[in-house]
């Protein structure tokens, strides 16, 4: 995944993190990854509906990745456009148009057409709710003895 152009920040997670730290390691390990995957779903849906479609290539490269921390009690979810991340950023922020060699003549500027930032802002609350619901379901299943 490419470097982050923007992040969704969540306030008030201290209590959640403290409770996760108290949770048995096995249950925490089984809860975090599915919760991160669940949190990606609303953002992916929002991006799928706002991604400009000229050829369809950009939309086909929409992807996500979840990386777990070494202790498996935390992780990071990344959403992007794979090998087309640079194209998405060009559309999002605008870009210069430059001709091919040998002259590399400036041919104009393409205006920004933001679609990633509005999609992530629109889906942030749903993403947080999906994460929390997944954690709650995993904890409930673990407390009921259903976590294997």
N, C-alpha and C. Protein backbone atom coordinates (compact mmCIF):
# COMPACT_ATOMS: atom_id res chain seq x y z
N UNK A 1 0.83 -1.17 0.00
CA UNK A 1 0.00 0.00 0.00
C UNK A 1 0.89 1.25 0.00
N UNK A 2 0.38 2.30 -0.56
CA UNK A 2 1.13 3.56 -0.61
C UNK A 2 1.04 4.26 0.73
N UNK A 3 1.81 5.31 0.86
CA UNK A 3 1.77 6.08 2.09
C UNK A 3 0.39 6.70 2.28
N UNK A 4 0.05 6.97 3.52
CA UNK A 4 -1.26 7.51 3.84
C UNK A 4 -1.36 8.96 3.40
N UNK A 5 -2.43 9.30 2.71
CA UNK A 5 -2.70 10.68 2.34
C UNK A 5 -3.62 11.31 3.37
N UNK A 6 -4.37 10.50 4.08
CA UNK A 6 -5.28 10.98 5.10
C UNK A 6 -5.61 9.81 6.01
N UNK A 7 -6.04 10.11 7.20
CA UNK A 7 -6.36 9.09 8.19
C UNK A 7 -7.71 9.39 8.80
N UNK A 8 -8.34 8.36 9.33
CA UNK A 8 -9.53 8.53 10.15
C UNK A 8 -9.05 8.39 11.58
N UNK A 9 -9.26 9.40 12.39
CA UNK A 9 -8.86 9.36 13.79
C UNK A 9 -10.09 9.12 14.65
N UNK A 10 -9.92 8.30 15.66
CA UNK A 10 -11.01 7.97 16.56
C UNK A 10 -10.63 8.46 17.94
N UNK A 11 -11.51 9.23 18.55
CA UNK A 11 -11.28 9.75 19.89
C UNK A 11 -11.92 8.81 20.92
N UNK A 12 -11.31 8.74 22.10
CA UNK A 12 -11.92 8.00 23.20
C UNK A 12 -11.70 6.51 23.18
N UNK A 13 -10.64 6.05 22.55
CA UNK A 13 -10.39 4.62 22.51
C UNK A 13 -9.60 4.10 23.71
N UNK A 14 -9.23 5.01 24.62
CA UNK A 14 -8.42 4.59 25.76
C UNK A 14 -9.11 3.49 26.56
N UNK A 15 -10.40 3.67 26.82
CA UNK A 15 -11.14 2.67 27.59
C UNK A 15 -11.21 1.35 26.84
N UNK A 16 -11.47 1.43 25.55
CA UNK A 16 -11.53 0.22 24.73
C UNK A 16 -10.19 -0.50 24.77
N UNK A 17 -9.10 0.24 24.60
CA UNK A 17 -7.76 -0.37 24.61
C UNK A 17 -7.45 -0.99 25.97
N UNK A 18 -7.84 -0.30 27.04
CA UNK A 18 -7.61 -0.84 28.38
C UNK A 18 -8.37 -2.14 28.57
N UNK A 19 -9.60 -2.19 28.09
CA UNK A 19 -10.39 -3.42 28.21
C UNK A 19 -9.80 -4.53 27.34
N UNK A 20 -9.31 -4.18 26.17
CA UNK A 20 -8.68 -5.19 25.31
C UNK A 20 -7.41 -5.74 25.97
N UNK A 21 -6.67 -4.86 26.67
CA UNK A 21 -5.47 -5.31 27.36
C UNK A 21 -5.79 -6.30 28.48
N UNK A 22 -6.96 -6.14 29.09
CA UNK A 22 -7.37 -7.04 30.16
C UNK A 22 -7.91 -8.36 29.61
N UNK A 23 -8.29 -8.36 28.36
CA UNK A 23 -8.88 -9.53 27.73
C UNK A 23 -7.82 -10.62 27.57
N UNK A 24 -8.21 -11.87 27.70
CA UNK A 24 -7.26 -12.94 27.44
C UNK A 24 -6.64 -12.79 26.05
N UNK A 25 -5.35 -13.07 25.95
CA UNK A 25 -4.61 -12.86 24.70
C UNK A 25 -5.26 -13.60 23.54
N UNK A 26 -5.67 -14.82 23.74
CA UNK A 26 -6.26 -15.62 22.65
C UNK A 26 -7.54 -14.95 22.15
N UNK A 27 -8.37 -14.45 23.04
CA UNK A 27 -9.60 -13.78 22.63
C UNK A 27 -9.30 -12.49 21.90
N UNK A 28 -8.33 -11.72 22.39
CA UNK A 28 -7.95 -10.47 21.72
C UNK A 28 -7.43 -10.75 20.33
N UNK A 29 -6.61 -11.79 20.19
CA UNK A 29 -6.08 -12.15 18.88
C UNK A 29 -7.19 -12.50 17.90
N UNK A 30 -8.20 -13.16 18.39
CA UNK A 30 -9.31 -13.57 17.52
C UNK A 30 -10.29 -12.43 17.26
N UNK A 31 -10.24 -11.38 18.06
CA UNK A 31 -11.20 -10.28 17.92
C UNK A 31 -10.70 -9.16 17.01
N UNK A 32 -9.42 -8.84 17.07
CA UNK A 32 -8.91 -7.65 16.39
C UNK A 32 -8.96 -7.75 14.87
N UNK A 33 -8.42 -8.83 14.31
CA UNK A 33 -8.37 -8.91 12.85
C UNK A 33 -9.76 -8.87 12.20
N UNK A 34 -10.73 -9.65 12.68
CA UNK A 34 -12.07 -9.54 12.08
C UNK A 34 -12.67 -8.15 12.25
N UNK A 35 -12.36 -7.48 13.37
CA UNK A 35 -12.89 -6.14 13.59
C UNK A 35 -12.28 -5.15 12.60
N UNK A 36 -11.00 -5.28 12.32
CA UNK A 36 -10.36 -4.40 11.33
C UNK A 36 -10.93 -4.66 9.93
N UNK A 37 -11.16 -5.91 9.61
CA UNK A 37 -11.77 -6.24 8.31
C UNK A 37 -13.19 -5.65 8.24
N UNK A 38 -13.96 -5.80 9.31
CA UNK A 38 -15.32 -5.25 9.35
C UNK A 38 -15.30 -3.74 9.20
N UNK A 39 -14.31 -3.08 9.79
CA UNK A 39 -14.21 -1.62 9.70
C UNK A 39 -13.91 -1.16 8.28
N UNK A 40 -13.27 -2.00 7.50
CA UNK A 40 -12.95 -1.64 6.11
C UNK A 40 -14.19 -1.65 5.21
N UNK A 41 -15.15 -2.50 5.50
CA UNK A 41 -16.30 -2.69 4.61
C UNK A 41 -17.05 -1.40 4.28
N UNK A 42 -17.45 -0.59 5.26
CA UNK A 42 -18.17 0.64 4.91
C UNK A 42 -17.34 1.61 4.06
N UNK A 43 -16.03 1.68 4.33
CA UNK A 43 -15.17 2.57 3.57
C UNK A 43 -15.04 2.07 2.14
N UNK A 44 -14.87 0.76 1.97
CA UNK A 44 -14.78 0.18 0.63
C UNK A 44 -16.07 0.42 -0.16
N UNK A 45 -17.21 0.27 0.50
CA UNK A 45 -18.49 0.51 -0.17
C UNK A 45 -18.62 1.97 -0.60
N UNK A 46 -18.23 2.88 0.27
CA UNK A 46 -18.31 4.30 -0.07
C UNK A 46 -17.36 4.63 -1.21
N UNK A 47 -16.15 4.09 -1.17
CA UNK A 47 -15.19 4.34 -2.24
C UNK A 47 -15.67 3.74 -3.56
N UNK A 48 -16.27 2.57 -3.50
CA UNK A 48 -16.75 1.93 -4.72
C UNK A 48 -17.82 2.78 -5.41
N UNK A 49 -18.60 3.51 -4.61
CA UNK A 49 -19.66 4.32 -5.21
C UNK A 49 -19.18 5.70 -5.66
N UNK A 50 -18.01 6.14 -5.16
CA UNK A 50 -17.54 7.47 -5.52
C UNK A 50 -16.33 7.47 -6.46
N UNK A 51 -15.72 6.32 -6.68
CA UNK A 51 -14.54 6.24 -7.54
C UNK A 51 -14.92 6.55 -8.98
N UNK A 52 -14.25 7.52 -9.60
CA UNK A 52 -14.54 7.83 -11.00
C UNK A 52 -14.27 6.61 -11.89
N UNK A 53 -15.15 6.38 -12.82
CA UNK A 53 -15.00 5.24 -13.71
C UNK A 53 -14.89 5.73 -15.15
N UNK A 54 -13.68 5.69 -15.68
CA UNK A 54 -13.47 6.00 -17.09
C UNK A 54 -13.29 4.68 -17.82
N UNK A 55 -12.30 3.90 -17.38
CA UNK A 55 -12.06 2.59 -17.98
C UNK A 55 -12.44 1.47 -17.03
N UNK A 56 -12.60 1.76 -15.76
CA UNK A 56 -12.89 0.75 -14.76
C UNK A 56 -11.65 0.18 -14.09
N UNK A 57 -10.47 0.55 -14.61
CA UNK A 57 -9.23 0.03 -14.04
C UNK A 57 -9.04 0.44 -12.59
N UNK A 58 -9.30 1.67 -12.27
CA UNK A 58 -9.08 2.16 -10.91
C UNK A 58 -9.96 1.39 -9.93
N UNK A 59 -11.21 1.24 -10.24
CA UNK A 59 -12.14 0.54 -9.36
C UNK A 59 -11.73 -0.93 -9.18
N UNK A 60 -11.21 -1.55 -10.22
CA UNK A 60 -10.77 -2.95 -10.13
C UNK A 60 -9.59 -3.12 -9.19
N UNK A 61 -8.84 -2.05 -8.95
CA UNK A 61 -7.68 -2.14 -8.08
C UNK A 61 -7.98 -1.72 -6.63
N UNK A 62 -9.22 -1.38 -6.33
CA UNK A 62 -9.60 -1.02 -4.97
C UNK A 62 -9.39 -2.24 -4.07
N UNK A 63 -8.60 -2.06 -3.02
CA UNK A 63 -8.23 -3.19 -2.18
C UNK A 63 -8.03 -2.74 -0.74
N UNK A 64 -7.92 -3.71 0.14
CA UNK A 64 -7.58 -3.41 1.53
C UNK A 64 -6.61 -4.46 2.04
N UNK A 65 -5.93 -4.09 3.11
CA UNK A 65 -4.95 -4.99 3.72
C UNK A 65 -4.99 -4.77 5.22
N UNK A 66 -4.96 -5.85 5.96
CA UNK A 66 -4.91 -5.78 7.42
C UNK A 66 -3.58 -6.37 7.86
N UNK A 67 -2.83 -5.61 8.63
CA UNK A 67 -1.57 -6.08 9.18
C UNK A 67 -1.69 -6.09 10.70
N UNK A 68 -1.40 -7.23 11.26
CA UNK A 68 -1.49 -7.37 12.71
C UNK A 68 -0.15 -7.03 13.36
N UNK A 69 -0.23 -6.47 14.57
CA UNK A 69 0.97 -6.17 15.35
C UNK A 69 1.62 -7.49 15.78
N UNK A 70 2.86 -7.42 16.19
CA UNK A 70 3.58 -8.63 16.58
C UNK A 70 2.90 -9.38 17.71
N UNK A 71 2.30 -8.66 18.65
CA UNK A 71 1.63 -9.33 19.76
C UNK A 71 0.21 -9.76 19.42
N UNK A 72 -0.23 -9.46 18.20
CA UNK A 72 -1.57 -9.83 17.71
C UNK A 72 -2.70 -9.17 18.48
N UNK A 73 -2.39 -8.16 19.31
CA UNK A 73 -3.43 -7.47 20.07
C UNK A 73 -3.73 -6.09 19.49
N UNK A 74 -3.29 -5.85 18.28
CA UNK A 74 -3.54 -4.59 17.58
C UNK A 74 -3.19 -4.78 16.12
N UNK A 75 -3.48 -3.79 15.34
CA UNK A 75 -3.17 -3.90 13.92
C UNK A 75 -3.53 -2.63 13.18
N UNK A 76 -3.30 -2.67 11.88
CA UNK A 76 -3.57 -1.54 11.01
C UNK A 76 -4.31 -2.02 9.78
N UNK A 77 -5.35 -1.29 9.41
CA UNK A 77 -6.07 -1.57 8.17
C UNK A 77 -5.73 -0.47 7.18
N UNK A 78 -5.36 -0.86 5.96
CA UNK A 78 -5.05 0.09 4.90
C UNK A 78 -5.96 -0.16 3.72
N UNK A 79 -6.47 0.91 3.14
CA UNK A 79 -7.33 0.82 1.96
C UNK A 79 -6.69 1.65 0.87
N UNK A 80 -6.64 1.12 -0.32
CA UNK A 80 -6.02 1.85 -1.41
C UNK A 80 -6.38 1.25 -2.76
N UNK A 81 -5.62 1.64 -3.75
CA UNK A 81 -5.87 1.21 -5.12
C UNK A 81 -4.68 0.44 -5.69
N UNK A 82 -3.95 -0.23 -4.81
CA UNK A 82 -2.85 -1.09 -5.24
C UNK A 82 -1.86 -0.37 -6.13
N UNK A 83 -1.57 -0.95 -7.27
CA UNK A 83 -0.60 -0.37 -8.19
C UNK A 83 -1.10 0.92 -8.82
N UNK A 84 -2.38 1.24 -8.64
CA UNK A 84 -2.95 2.47 -9.19
C UNK A 84 -3.12 3.57 -8.15
N UNK A 85 -2.48 3.43 -6.99
CA UNK A 85 -2.58 4.47 -5.95
C UNK A 85 -2.21 5.85 -6.50
N UNK A 86 -1.19 5.90 -7.33
CA UNK A 86 -0.76 7.19 -7.87
C UNK A 86 -1.84 7.82 -8.75
N UNK A 87 -2.58 7.01 -9.51
CA UNK A 87 -3.66 7.54 -10.34
C UNK A 87 -4.78 8.11 -9.47
N UNK A 88 -5.09 7.39 -8.40
CA UNK A 88 -6.14 7.86 -7.49
C UNK A 88 -5.75 9.21 -6.88
N UNK A 89 -4.48 9.34 -6.49
CA UNK A 89 -4.03 10.62 -5.92
C UNK A 89 -4.06 11.73 -6.95
N UNK A 90 -3.72 11.43 -8.19
CA UNK A 90 -3.77 12.44 -9.26
C UNK A 90 -5.19 12.97 -9.42
N UNK A 91 -6.16 12.06 -9.39
CA UNK A 91 -7.57 12.48 -9.52
C UNK A 91 -8.00 13.25 -8.28
N UNK A 92 -7.65 12.74 -7.12
CA UNK A 92 -8.05 13.36 -5.85
C UNK A 92 -7.52 14.78 -5.70
N UNK A 93 -6.27 15.00 -6.05
CA UNK A 93 -5.63 16.28 -5.78
C UNK A 93 -5.36 17.13 -7.03
N UNK A 94 -5.62 16.58 -8.21
CA UNK A 94 -5.29 17.28 -9.45
C UNK A 94 -3.83 17.04 -9.81
N UNK A 95 -3.49 17.35 -11.06
CA UNK A 95 -2.11 17.10 -11.48
C UNK A 95 -1.80 17.88 -12.75
N UNK A 96 -0.51 18.07 -12.99
CA UNK A 96 -0.05 18.69 -14.22
C UNK A 96 -0.11 17.66 -15.34
N UNK A 97 -0.36 18.15 -16.54
CA UNK A 97 -0.25 17.29 -17.73
C UNK A 97 1.01 17.70 -18.47
N UNK A 98 1.89 16.74 -18.67
CA UNK A 98 3.16 17.00 -19.32
C UNK A 98 3.30 16.03 -20.49
N UNK A 99 3.73 16.56 -21.64
CA UNK A 99 3.91 15.73 -22.83
C UNK A 99 5.07 14.77 -22.66
N UNK A 100 5.20 13.89 -23.62
CA UNK A 100 6.26 12.88 -23.58
C UNK A 100 7.59 13.45 -24.04
N UNK A 101 8.64 12.73 -23.76
CA UNK A 101 9.97 13.14 -24.19
C UNK A 101 9.98 13.25 -25.71
N UNK A 102 10.79 14.03 -26.30
CA UNK A 102 11.95 14.69 -25.71
C UNK A 102 11.65 16.06 -25.14
N UNK A 103 10.49 16.64 -25.40
CA UNK A 103 10.25 18.03 -24.99
C UNK A 103 9.66 18.16 -23.60
N UNK A 104 8.89 17.21 -23.13
CA UNK A 104 8.23 17.27 -21.82
C UNK A 104 7.51 18.60 -21.62
N UNK A 105 6.80 19.01 -22.65
CA UNK A 105 6.11 20.29 -22.65
C UNK A 105 4.91 20.26 -21.71
N UNK A 106 4.77 21.33 -20.92
CA UNK A 106 3.62 21.50 -20.04
C UNK A 106 2.38 21.68 -20.92
N UNK A 107 1.39 20.81 -20.74
CA UNK A 107 0.20 20.86 -21.58
C UNK A 107 -1.05 21.32 -20.85
N UNK A 108 -0.94 21.52 -19.55
CA UNK A 108 -2.11 21.99 -18.80
C UNK A 108 -2.15 21.40 -17.41
N UNK A 109 -3.30 21.59 -16.77
CA UNK A 109 -3.49 21.11 -15.42
C UNK A 109 -4.88 20.50 -15.30
N UNK A 110 -4.96 19.32 -14.74
CA UNK A 110 -6.25 18.67 -14.45
C UNK A 110 -6.66 19.05 -13.04
N UNK A 111 -7.82 19.63 -12.90
CA UNK A 111 -8.32 20.04 -11.59
C UNK A 111 -8.59 18.83 -10.70
N UNK A 112 -8.50 19.08 -9.42
CA UNK A 112 -8.79 18.04 -8.43
C UNK A 112 -10.26 17.64 -8.52
N UNK A 113 -10.50 16.33 -8.38
CA UNK A 113 -11.86 15.79 -8.29
C UNK A 113 -11.90 14.86 -7.08
N UNK A 114 -11.99 15.45 -5.90
CA UNK A 114 -11.93 14.64 -4.67
C UNK A 114 -13.02 13.57 -4.64
N UNK A 115 -12.62 12.36 -4.34
CA UNK A 115 -13.56 11.26 -4.16
C UNK A 115 -13.16 10.39 -2.98
N UNK A 116 -11.87 10.33 -2.66
CA UNK A 116 -11.42 9.49 -1.54
C UNK A 116 -11.74 10.15 -0.19
N UNK A 117 -11.40 11.41 -0.05
CA UNK A 117 -11.64 12.10 1.23
C UNK A 117 -13.13 12.16 1.54
N UNK A 118 -13.99 12.56 0.59
CA UNK A 118 -15.42 12.56 0.91
C UNK A 118 -15.96 11.16 1.26
N UNK A 119 -15.47 10.14 0.58
CA UNK A 119 -15.94 8.78 0.86
C UNK A 119 -15.52 8.33 2.26
N UNK A 120 -14.29 8.64 2.65
CA UNK A 120 -13.85 8.21 3.98
C UNK A 120 -14.55 9.03 5.08
N UNK A 121 -14.78 10.30 4.82
CA UNK A 121 -15.50 11.11 5.80
C UNK A 121 -16.94 10.61 5.96
N UNK A 122 -17.56 10.27 4.84
CA UNK A 122 -18.94 9.79 4.84
C UNK A 122 -19.07 8.46 5.57
N UNK A 123 -18.06 7.61 5.47
CA UNK A 123 -18.15 6.26 6.02
C UNK A 123 -17.46 6.09 7.37
N UNK A 124 -16.87 7.13 7.90
CA UNK A 124 -16.09 7.01 9.14
C UNK A 124 -16.92 6.48 10.30
N UNK A 125 -18.10 7.04 10.53
CA UNK A 125 -18.93 6.59 11.65
C UNK A 125 -19.35 5.14 11.48
N UNK A 126 -19.74 4.76 10.26
CA UNK A 126 -20.15 3.37 10.00
C UNK A 126 -18.97 2.42 10.20
N UNK A 127 -17.79 2.86 9.84
CA UNK A 127 -16.59 2.05 10.01
C UNK A 127 -16.30 1.80 11.49
N UNK A 128 -16.40 2.85 12.28
CA UNK A 128 -16.17 2.74 13.72
C UNK A 128 -17.23 1.84 14.36
N UNK A 129 -18.48 2.00 13.94
CA UNK A 129 -19.56 1.16 14.47
C UNK A 129 -19.34 -0.31 14.09
N UNK A 130 -18.88 -0.57 12.86
CA UNK A 130 -18.62 -1.95 12.44
C UNK A 130 -17.49 -2.57 13.25
N UNK A 131 -16.45 -1.77 13.52
CA UNK A 131 -15.34 -2.25 14.34
C UNK A 131 -15.84 -2.61 15.74
N UNK A 132 -16.59 -1.69 16.35
CA UNK A 132 -17.09 -1.92 17.72
C UNK A 132 -18.03 -3.12 17.77
N UNK A 133 -18.92 -3.24 16.79
CA UNK A 133 -19.86 -4.38 16.78
C UNK A 133 -19.12 -5.70 16.63
N UNK A 134 -18.09 -5.72 15.82
CA UNK A 134 -17.30 -6.93 15.64
C UNK A 134 -16.56 -7.31 16.93
N UNK A 135 -15.96 -6.32 17.58
CA UNK A 135 -15.27 -6.57 18.87
C UNK A 135 -16.28 -7.11 19.88
N UNK A 136 -17.44 -6.46 19.96
CA UNK A 136 -18.47 -6.89 20.91
C UNK A 136 -18.91 -8.33 20.64
N UNK A 137 -19.12 -8.66 19.37
CA UNK A 137 -19.54 -10.02 19.02
C UNK A 137 -18.46 -11.03 19.39
N UNK A 138 -17.19 -10.68 19.14
CA UNK A 138 -16.10 -11.60 19.47
C UNK A 138 -15.98 -11.80 20.98
N UNK A 139 -16.12 -10.70 21.72
CA UNK A 139 -16.06 -10.80 23.19
C UNK A 139 -17.22 -11.62 23.71
N UNK A 140 -18.43 -11.35 23.20
CA UNK A 140 -19.60 -12.13 23.64
C UNK A 140 -19.41 -13.61 23.34
N UNK A 141 -18.91 -13.92 22.15
CA UNK A 141 -18.69 -15.31 21.79
C UNK A 141 -17.63 -15.93 22.69
N UNK A 142 -16.58 -15.17 23.01
CA UNK A 142 -15.52 -15.68 23.89
C UNK A 142 -16.01 -15.89 25.31
N UNK A 143 -16.84 -14.99 25.79
CA UNK A 143 -17.37 -15.12 27.15
C UNK A 143 -18.36 -16.27 27.26
N UNK A 144 -19.02 -16.58 26.15
CA UNK A 144 -19.96 -17.70 26.13
C UNK A 144 -19.25 -19.03 25.92
N UNK A 145 -17.90 -18.97 25.79
CA UNK A 145 -17.13 -20.18 25.59
C UNK A 145 -17.12 -20.68 24.17
N UNK A 146 -17.57 -19.83 23.23
CA UNK A 146 -17.64 -20.25 21.84
C UNK A 146 -16.36 -19.96 21.07
N UNK A 147 -15.45 -19.16 21.64
CA UNK A 147 -14.21 -18.85 20.94
C UNK A 147 -13.29 -20.06 21.03
N UNK A 148 -12.82 -20.51 19.91
CA UNK A 148 -11.97 -21.68 19.91
C UNK A 148 -10.51 -21.29 19.86
